[in-house]
Amino acid sequence: MSNTITPTVFYRTLNVEGLEIFYREAGPRDAPAVLLLHGFPSSSHMFRNLIPMLADKYHVVAPDFPGYGESSAPSVNDFDYSYERLFSFSEKFTEKLNLSSYALYLSDIDKRWRKQNDIPPRIPLCQSEMTDRKSN
C-alpha cells in the first residue's frame, strides 16, 4: 500500500469583466504555474485527472471559458466568443490571479490560438498528445 497523498483541488470563481469564471486550482502558489485551457466543447473538467498529477510540483490553474462548464454564459449578443476575445479574456483572468509567468497547455484550440494571437514570449507552450496527432 502506497502512502501517496492526493493534492487538494479547490473549486473557485473569479469575477472577470463582470462574468463569474469558474476555475480549478491546486498545488503550492509559490511553485511554477501551469495554466490548462480546455478545448471545445468542453470545460476544465477534462483536466480532473491531470490536475492532481501535476499539483505536487506545480501551481495548476484550469478555468472554464465564458459559456462553458460552470462559468457565466452570456448570450452571443453580449459576448464575442471569438478566439481573439477568449485569448484576451484569458490574459485578464491570469492578471487577476497574479499569474505573471506560466506554462500554457492547450488542447484542440492550439493551432487556431497560435495563428490568431501573438502569444507573449513569457509563456512557454505545451501541446497535448491529441493536438500532436491531429497535426500529423
Foldseek 3Di string as FASTA:
>chain_A
DDPDDFWDKDWAWDQFPNKTKIKIWAADPVAAEEEEEEDPPAALVVCVPVCRVCRPHHTYMGIGQACHDPIPHDDCVVAPPDLVRSVVSVVRVCVVVVNPAHEYEYECCVVVNVVVDDDDPRYHYDYDVNNVVVVD
